[in-house]
Amino acid sequence: MRPFQELDVWRLAHELTLSIYTASAAFPAEERFGLQSQMRRSAASVPANIAEGSAHSNDGFRRYLRIALASATELEYHLILAQDLNYLDAQLRSDRNDRLTSVKRMLQSLIQRVGELPRAKSQEPRAVSQ
């Protein structure tokens, strides 16, 4: 596997995370440990899990990609909630949601591709028969 920084999905997820930090900076102070924090954590979880998973075998990488996809779906809800609470205007949410939809599609595609790669042979010792 190539370095995670070279993966288009990681780059787009990282850019989305940066934009979520910027967009949530204007949230009310009482949301600092609430929705603002949750949005930032779920957004940052996506590229972080892609990066962490890239250091594992194909099966491990696929597991981390699924976690990244789940975090992206969590962020999707947080964007809806932020708009409904009038913390984000409709256009800003729509823009972030469009980026998020692209990340989710790319993750789903990568999960499928990684699942189609041949598995490495197990290096576990075999039991000796008596």
Protein backbone atom coordinates (compact mmCIF):
# COMPACT_ATOMS: atom_id res chain seq x y z
CA MET A 1 0.00 0.00 0.00
CA ARG A 2 1.26 3.45 -0.81
CA PRO A 3 1.51 6.19 1.85
CA PHE A 4 -1.91 7.33 3.07
CA GLN A 5 -1.11 10.94 2.11
CA GLU A 6 -1.20 9.85 -1.54
CA LEU A 7 -4.75 8.48 -1.31
CA ASP A 8 -7.29 10.84 -2.87
CA VAL A 9 -9.89 9.84 -0.28
CA TRP A 10 -7.54 10.75 2.57
CA ARG A 11 -6.77 14.15 0.99
CA LEU A 12 -10.45 14.96 0.49
CA ALA A 13 -11.33 13.78 4.02
CA HIS A 14 -8.51 15.90 5.47
CA GLU A 15 -9.71 18.99 3.55
CA LEU A 16 -13.25 18.32 4.77
CA THR A 17 -11.99 18.09 8.35
CA LEU A 18 -10.26 21.44 8.04
CA SER A 19 -13.45 22.99 6.67
CA ILE A 20 -15.49 21.49 9.53
CA TYR A 21 -13.11 23.05 12.06
CA THR A 22 -13.54 26.42 10.35
CA ALA A 23 -17.32 26.14 9.99
CA SER A 24 -17.81 25.08 13.62
CA ALA A 25 -15.61 27.84 15.04
CA ALA A 26 -18.58 30.21 15.16
CA PHE A 27 -20.82 27.82 17.11
CA PRO A 28 -22.15 29.14 20.43
CA ALA A 29 -19.83 28.77 23.42
CA GLU A 30 -22.19 26.30 25.07
CA GLU A 31 -21.57 23.90 22.16
CA ARG A 32 -17.80 23.85 22.71
CA PHE A 33 -18.00 20.48 24.47
CA GLY A 34 -21.16 19.38 22.69
CA LEU A 35 -21.96 19.49 19.01
CA GLN A 36 -18.81 21.40 18.02
CA SER A 37 -16.61 18.79 19.66
CA GLN A 38 -18.62 15.87 18.26
CA MET A 39 -18.50 17.27 14.72
CA ARG A 40 -14.78 17.84 14.90
CA ARG A 41 -14.09 14.39 16.32
CA SER A 42 -16.21 12.57 13.77
CA ALA A 43 -14.68 14.61 10.94
CA ALA A 44 -11.11 13.99 12.11
CA SER A 45 -11.85 10.31 12.65
CA VAL A 46 -12.32 9.77 8.91
CA PRO A 47 -8.79 10.65 7.70
CA ALA A 48 -7.27 9.34 10.95
CA ASN A 49 -8.76 5.88 10.41
CA ILE A 50 -7.68 5.86 6.78
CA ALA A 51 -4.14 6.69 7.90
CA GLU A 52 -4.10 4.15 10.72
CA GLY A 53 -5.59 1.42 8.57
CA SER A 54 -3.01 1.91 5.84
CA ALA A 55 -0.39 0.46 8.20
CA HIS A 56 -2.26 -2.85 8.41
CA SER A 57 -2.89 -5.86 6.20
CA ASN A 58 -5.67 -5.72 3.62
CA ASP A 59 -8.19 -7.13 6.11
CA GLY A 60 -7.12 -4.64 8.78
CA PHE A 61 -7.16 -1.76 6.31
CA ARG A 62 -10.66 -2.70 5.24
CA ARG A 63 -11.82 -2.74 8.89
CA TYR A 64 -10.42 0.78 9.44
CA LEU A 65 -12.03 2.00 6.22
CA ARG A 66 -15.39 0.78 7.53
CA ILE A 67 -14.80 2.72 10.76
CA ALA A 68 -13.98 5.80 8.67
CA LEU A 69 -17.23 5.31 6.74
CA ALA A 70 -19.19 5.05 10.00
CA SER A 71 -17.58 8.27 11.25
CA ALA A 72 -18.48 9.98 7.97
CA THR A 73 -22.09 8.91 8.43
CA GLU A 74 -22.03 10.27 11.99
CA LEU A 75 -20.72 13.58 10.64
CA GLU A 76 -23.55 13.61 8.11
CA TYR A 77 -26.05 13.66 10.98
CA HIS A 78 -24.10 16.33 12.87
CA LEU A 79 -24.32 18.58 9.80
CA ILE A 80 -28.09 18.14 9.70
CA LEU A 81 -28.35 18.92 13.40
CA ALA A 82 -26.12 21.99 13.11
CA GLN A 83 -28.30 23.37 10.33
CA ASP A 84 -31.52 22.61 12.20
CA LEU A 85 -30.13 24.46 15.24
CA ASN A 86 -29.25 27.39 12.95
CA TYR A 87 -25.51 27.03 13.60
CA LEU A 88 -24.84 26.44 9.88
CA ASP A 89 -26.71 28.04 7.02
CA ALA A 90 -28.19 25.80 4.36
CA GLN A 91 -25.58 26.64 1.71
CA LEU A 92 -22.64 25.91 4.02
CA ARG A 93 -24.18 22.61 5.10
CA SER A 94 -24.92 21.69 1.49
CA ASP A 95 -21.32 22.36 0.48
CA ARG A 96 -19.92 20.27 3.35
CA ASN A 97 -22.46 17.54 2.69
CA ASP A 98 -21.47 17.37 -0.99
CA ARG A 99 -17.84 16.88 0.01
CA LEU A 100 -18.87 14.31 2.58
CA THR A 101 -20.91 12.38 0.01
CA SER A 102 -17.82 12.22 -2.21
CA VAL A 103 -15.71 10.92 0.69
CA LYS A 104 -18.30 8.27 1.51
CA ARG A 105 -18.48 7.09 -2.12
CA MET A 106 -14.69 6.92 -2.33
CA LEU A 107 -14.52 4.96 0.93
CA GLN A 108 -17.14 2.48 -0.28
CA SER A 109 -15.22 1.99 -3.51
CA LEU A 110 -11.92 1.53 -1.69
CA ILE A 111 -13.48 -0.93 0.76
CA GLN A 112 -14.67 -3.00 -2.18
CA ARG A 113 -11.32 -2.83 -3.99
CA VAL A 114 -9.32 -3.77 -0.89
CA GLY A 115 -11.71 -6.68 -0.33
CA GLU A 116 -10.96 -7.98 -3.80
CA LEU A 117 -7.19 -8.06 -3.25
CA PRO A 118 -5.64 -11.45 -2.60
CA ARG A 119 -5.15 -12.24 1.06
CA ALA A 120 -1.68 -12.70 2.44
CA LYS A 121 -0.94 -16.25 3.52
CA SER A 122 -1.12 -16.71 7.24
CA GLN A 123 2.18 -16.74 9.05
CA GLU A 124 0.73 -18.53 12.08
CA PRO A 125 2.52 -21.72 13.10
CA ARG A 126 0.65 -24.92 12.34
CA ALA A 127 -0.09 -27.45 14.99
CA VAL A 128 2.14 -30.49 14.82
CA SER A 129 0.16 -33.70 14.54
CA GLN A 130 1.22 -36.57 16.75
